[in-house]
Amino acid sequence: MTTNADAPGEFTPTRRTKVRRHPERARYDRQTVYEILDQAFVCHVAFVTDGMPFVVPTNYVRVGDTLYLHGSVGSRMMKTLASGASFSLCVTLLDGIVFAPTATGHSLNYRSVVVLGNAKVVDDADMKVDAMRAFVEYVARGRWPMVRAPNESDMARTMVLAVPLVEASAKVRTGFATDGQEEYREGTWTGVLPLKLTPGEPIRDPRGDRAVRAPDNIRHYSRPQ
């Protein structure tokens, strides 16, 4: 199972995925979409159940042209998606704060992806284990061999959903403020404050083996850029 942005081609914009607000920021190529998905950790899943809309944050992993979600078999979100209901999910990477010469000109530089579709339950035992391995390795490469693999009880309590990547689009904002030149004046700083995810010092779980130091993949943790 691979998670690199390796699929060529583009997503075909649909009525639901075509970017209408600032269409110049739209990206439909798989490389851009997959690079954003492969760097982010959390997606927000939007769905409707019992006549009410919900948005739930959760984690995911991309394997080729499929996204996998996992959660408790009792989860309202997982049960709704498992029924075949349509849903959307979004991920966002914040790259910087844009300081403009006007109050309304301030903005953010970001990269985001929206995926629309339907999920299928992964029932095959080997495929479920493969998906769980992909989840763990996505958190930190090399982590799977260091931990206990899921047993039958773990897997019985866990639902895995596969989401084929068919309808998706990305939106990317870069650069400085879009205010007109006449808005710029002396005495006001304008520009971009870059932001990025930076890991801190690992904190040991007091219940863990104190003789074991944090491994290199945690002490020197990094995400794809």
Protein backbone atom coordinates (compact mmCIF):
# COMPACT_ATOMS: atom_id res chain seq x y z
CA MET A 1 0.00 0.00 0.00
CA THR A 2 1.40 3.39 -0.99
CA THR A 3 0.47 6.88 0.10
CA ASN A 4 2.64 8.99 -2.18
CA ALA A 5 1.12 11.39 -4.70
CA ASP A 6 1.70 9.04 -7.62
CA ALA A 7 -1.49 9.18 -9.71
CA PRO A 8 -1.29 11.13 -12.99
CA GLY A 9 -4.05 13.11 -14.62
CA GLU A 10 -6.75 15.38 -13.34
CA PHE A 11 -10.11 15.19 -11.66
CA THR A 12 -12.90 16.26 -13.97
CA PRO A 13 -14.67 19.25 -12.40
CA THR A 14 -18.32 18.50 -11.77
CA ARG A 15 -21.24 20.75 -10.91
CA ARG A 16 -20.50 19.97 -7.26
CA THR A 17 -16.71 20.34 -7.29
CA LYS A 18 -16.11 23.24 -9.69
CA VAL A 19 -14.61 26.17 -7.80
CA ARG A 20 -16.69 29.28 -8.51
CA ARG A 21 -15.37 31.78 -5.98
CA HIS A 22 -11.84 32.74 -7.10
CA PRO A 23 -11.68 30.08 -9.83
CA GLU A 24 -8.07 31.09 -10.50
CA ARG A 25 -7.18 29.37 -7.23
CA ALA A 26 -8.71 26.06 -8.29
CA ARG A 27 -6.55 23.00 -8.79
CA TYR A 28 -7.91 19.80 -10.27
CA ASP A 29 -4.70 17.87 -10.90
CA ARG A 30 -4.29 14.75 -8.80
CA GLN A 31 -0.73 15.61 -7.82
CA THR A 32 -1.79 18.80 -6.02
CA VAL A 33 -4.85 17.18 -4.45
CA TYR A 34 -2.87 14.17 -3.24
CA GLU A 35 0.04 16.23 -1.91
CA ILE A 36 -2.37 18.22 0.25
CA LEU A 37 -4.13 15.09 1.46
CA ASP A 38 -0.81 13.43 2.25
CA GLN A 39 0.40 16.32 4.39
CA ALA A 40 -2.74 17.02 6.42
CA PHE A 41 -3.83 14.97 9.44
CA VAL A 42 -7.47 15.87 10.03
CA CYS A 43 -10.47 16.03 7.73
CA HIS A 44 -13.93 17.36 8.56
CA VAL A 45 -16.72 15.10 7.35
CA ALA A 46 -20.12 16.66 6.61
CA PHE A 47 -23.20 14.44 6.45
CA VAL A 48 -26.94 14.51 7.18
CA THR A 49 -28.72 12.09 9.48
CA ASP A 50 -32.16 12.23 11.05
CA GLY A 51 -32.78 15.45 9.16
CA MET A 52 -29.87 17.25 10.83
CA PRO A 53 -26.54 18.29 9.30
CA PHE A 54 -23.36 17.36 11.18
CA VAL A 55 -19.66 18.09 10.69
CA VAL A 56 -17.24 15.74 12.46
CA PRO A 57 -13.43 15.96 12.53
CA THR A 58 -11.59 12.69 12.07
CA ASN A 59 -8.34 11.32 10.69
CA TYR A 60 -7.83 9.46 7.42
CA VAL A 61 -5.22 7.99 5.13
CA ARG A 62 -4.90 7.97 1.36
CA VAL A 63 -3.84 4.79 -0.40
CA GLY A 64 -3.63 5.28 -4.14
CA ASP A 65 -6.97 6.57 -5.41
CA THR A 66 -8.84 5.72 -2.20
CA LEU A 67 -9.29 7.43 1.14
CA TYR A 68 -9.81 5.26 4.21
CA LEU A 69 -11.68 6.32 7.34
CA HIS A 70 -11.92 4.31 10.53
CA GLY A 71 -13.86 4.56 13.75
CA SER A 72 -16.07 2.78 16.24
CA VAL A 73 -18.81 0.55 14.86
CA GLY A 74 -21.15 2.53 17.13
CA SER A 75 -20.20 5.92 15.67
CA ARG A 76 -23.12 7.89 14.22
CA MET A 77 -20.89 9.18 11.46
CA MET A 78 -19.52 5.75 10.55
CA LYS A 79 -22.97 4.13 10.54
CA THR A 80 -24.38 6.92 8.36
CA LEU A 81 -21.56 6.71 5.84
CA ALA A 82 -21.71 2.90 5.87
CA SER A 83 -25.36 3.13 4.76
CA GLY A 84 -24.19 4.61 1.45
CA ALA A 85 -25.29 8.16 2.23
CA SER A 86 -23.59 10.93 0.27
CA PHE A 87 -21.17 13.11 2.20
CA SER A 88 -18.35 15.58 1.75
CA LEU A 89 -15.05 16.00 3.53
CA CYS A 90 -12.52 18.81 3.60
CA VAL A 91 -8.91 19.20 4.67
CA THR A 92 -7.05 22.50 5.05
CA LEU A 93 -3.39 23.40 5.45
CA LEU A 94 -2.73 26.88 6.81
CA ASP A 95 0.41 28.36 5.25
CA GLY A 96 0.38 31.98 6.40
CA ILE A 97 -1.43 35.08 7.59
CA VAL A 98 -1.79 37.85 5.01
CA PHE A 99 -1.52 41.34 6.49
CA ALA A 100 -3.13 43.93 4.24
CA PRO A 101 -3.26 47.74 4.29
CA THR A 102 -7.04 47.59 4.84
CA ALA A 103 -9.08 45.81 7.49
CA THR A 104 -11.11 43.87 4.94
CA GLY A 105 -8.04 42.95 2.88
CA HIS A 106 -6.55 40.66 5.50
CA SER A 107 -6.59 37.01 4.49
CA LEU A 108 -4.91 33.63 4.85
CA ASN A 109 -2.67 31.64 2.56
CA TYR A 110 -3.89 28.06 2.52
CA ARG A 111 -4.22 24.83 0.58
CA SER A 112 -7.49 22.93 0.84
CA VAL A 113 -9.19 19.90 -0.69
CA VAL A 114 -12.87 19.02 -0.88
CA VAL A 115 -13.92 15.44 -1.62
CA LEU A 116 -17.50 14.37 -2.39
CA GLY A 117 -18.71 10.81 -2.62
CA ASN A 118 -19.94 7.67 -0.98
CA ALA A 119 -18.17 5.14 1.20
CA LYS A 120 -18.02 1.36 1.16
CA VAL A 121 -17.49 -0.82 4.22
CA VAL A 122 -14.26 -2.82 4.14
CA ASP A 123 -15.32 -6.31 5.26
CA ASP A 124 -12.30 -8.34 4.16
CA ALA A 125 -10.17 -9.06 7.24
CA ASP A 126 -6.82 -8.74 5.45
CA MET A 127 -7.85 -5.47 3.81
CA LYS A 128 -8.93 -4.07 7.18
CA VAL A 129 -5.54 -4.92 8.69
CA ASP A 130 -3.79 -3.37 5.68
CA ALA A 131 -5.84 -0.21 6.16
CA MET A 132 -4.99 -0.07 9.88
CA ARG A 133 -1.32 -0.50 9.02
CA ALA A 134 -1.62 2.40 6.57
CA PHE A 135 -3.24 4.56 9.28
CA VAL A 136 -0.42 3.88 11.75
CA GLU A 137 2.33 4.34 9.18
CA TYR A 138 0.74 7.61 8.04
CA VAL A 139 1.00 8.95 11.59
CA ALA A 140 4.69 7.99 11.75
CA ARG A 141 6.59 5.88 9.27
CA GLY A 142 8.08 2.81 10.91
CA ARG A 143 5.61 2.80 13.79
CA TRP A 144 3.67 -0.37 12.88
CA PRO A 145 6.43 -2.88 13.84
CA MET A 146 6.84 -1.15 17.22
CA VAL A 147 3.26 -1.70 18.45
CA ARG A 148 0.88 -4.60 19.03
CA ALA A 149 -1.08 -5.42 15.89
CA PRO A 150 -4.88 -5.30 16.19
CA ASN A 151 -6.47 -8.53 17.38
CA GLU A 152 -9.91 -9.92 16.57
CA SER A 153 -11.53 -7.97 19.39
CA ASP A 154 -9.97 -4.71 18.17
CA MET A 155 -11.13 -5.29 14.63
CA ALA A 156 -14.64 -6.29 15.71
CA ARG A 157 -15.02 -2.90 17.38
CA THR A 158 -13.56 -1.00 14.43
CA MET A 159 -15.23 -0.07 11.15
CA VAL A 160 -13.12 0.79 8.12
CA LEU A 161 -14.62 2.70 5.20
CA ALA A 162 -13.17 3.09 1.72
CA VAL A 163 -13.90 6.30 -0.20
CA PRO A 164 -12.99 6.16 -3.92
CA LEU A 165 -11.50 9.49 -5.01
CA VAL A 166 -13.76 10.40 -7.92
CA GLU A 167 -15.03 13.92 -7.22
CA ALA A 168 -12.37 16.17 -5.69
CA SER A 169 -10.90 19.63 -6.10
CA ALA A 170 -8.25 21.74 -4.43
CA LYS A 171 -8.11 25.47 -3.76
CA VAL A 172 -4.84 27.27 -3.11
CA ARG A 173 -4.15 30.86 -2.07
CA THR A 174 -0.63 32.24 -2.13
CA GLY A 175 0.98 35.66 -2.18
CA PHE A 176 0.24 39.05 -0.67
CA ALA A 177 -2.85 41.18 -0.15
CA THR A 178 -5.01 41.94 -3.16
CA ASP A 179 -5.71 45.59 -2.20
CA GLY A 180 -5.08 48.21 -4.85
CA GLN A 181 -1.86 50.21 -4.86
CA GLU A 182 -3.76 53.30 -3.72
CA GLU A 183 -4.44 51.60 -0.37
CA TYR A 184 -0.77 51.34 0.53
CA ARG A 185 0.63 54.11 2.70
CA GLU A 186 3.54 54.72 5.00
CA GLY A 187 3.35 53.61 8.62
CA THR A 188 1.53 50.30 8.05
CA TRP A 189 3.39 47.00 7.79
CA THR A 190 2.04 44.68 5.13
CA GLY A 191 3.18 41.21 4.20
CA VAL A 192 2.81 37.53 5.00
CA LEU A 193 3.60 35.71 8.25
CA PRO A 194 4.40 32.12 7.22
CA LEU A 195 3.05 29.33 9.41
CA LYS A 196 3.95 25.64 9.55
CA LEU A 197 3.44 22.60 11.74
CA THR A 198 6.47 22.16 14.01
CA PRO A 199 6.80 19.17 16.39
CA GLY A 200 7.82 19.81 19.98
CA GLU A 201 9.81 17.73 22.43
CA PRO A 202 8.31 14.21 22.88
CA ILE A 203 6.51 13.75 26.22
CA ARG A 204 6.87 10.30 27.76
CA ASP A 205 3.75 8.41 28.83
CA PRO A 206 4.34 7.69 32.55
CA ARG A 207 2.85 4.21 32.07
CA GLY A 208 5.39 3.27 29.40
CA ASP A 209 8.77 1.57 29.71
CA ARG A 210 11.11 4.22 31.10
CA ALA A 211 14.11 2.32 29.73
CA VAL A 212 12.99 2.88 26.15
CA ARG A 213 13.87 6.24 24.63
CA ALA A 214 11.79 7.89 21.94
CA PRO A 215 12.76 6.41 18.55
CA ASP A 216 14.29 8.47 15.79
CA ASN A 217 11.04 8.67 13.80
CA ILE A 218 9.50 10.51 16.76
CA ARG A 219 12.50 12.52 17.98
CA HIS A 220 13.13 13.76 14.43
CA TYR A 221 9.51 13.83 13.33
CA SER A 222 8.54 15.59 10.12
CA ARG A 223 5.62 15.76 7.70
CA PRO A 224 5.75 15.81 3.89
CA GLN A 225 6.21 19.36 2.61
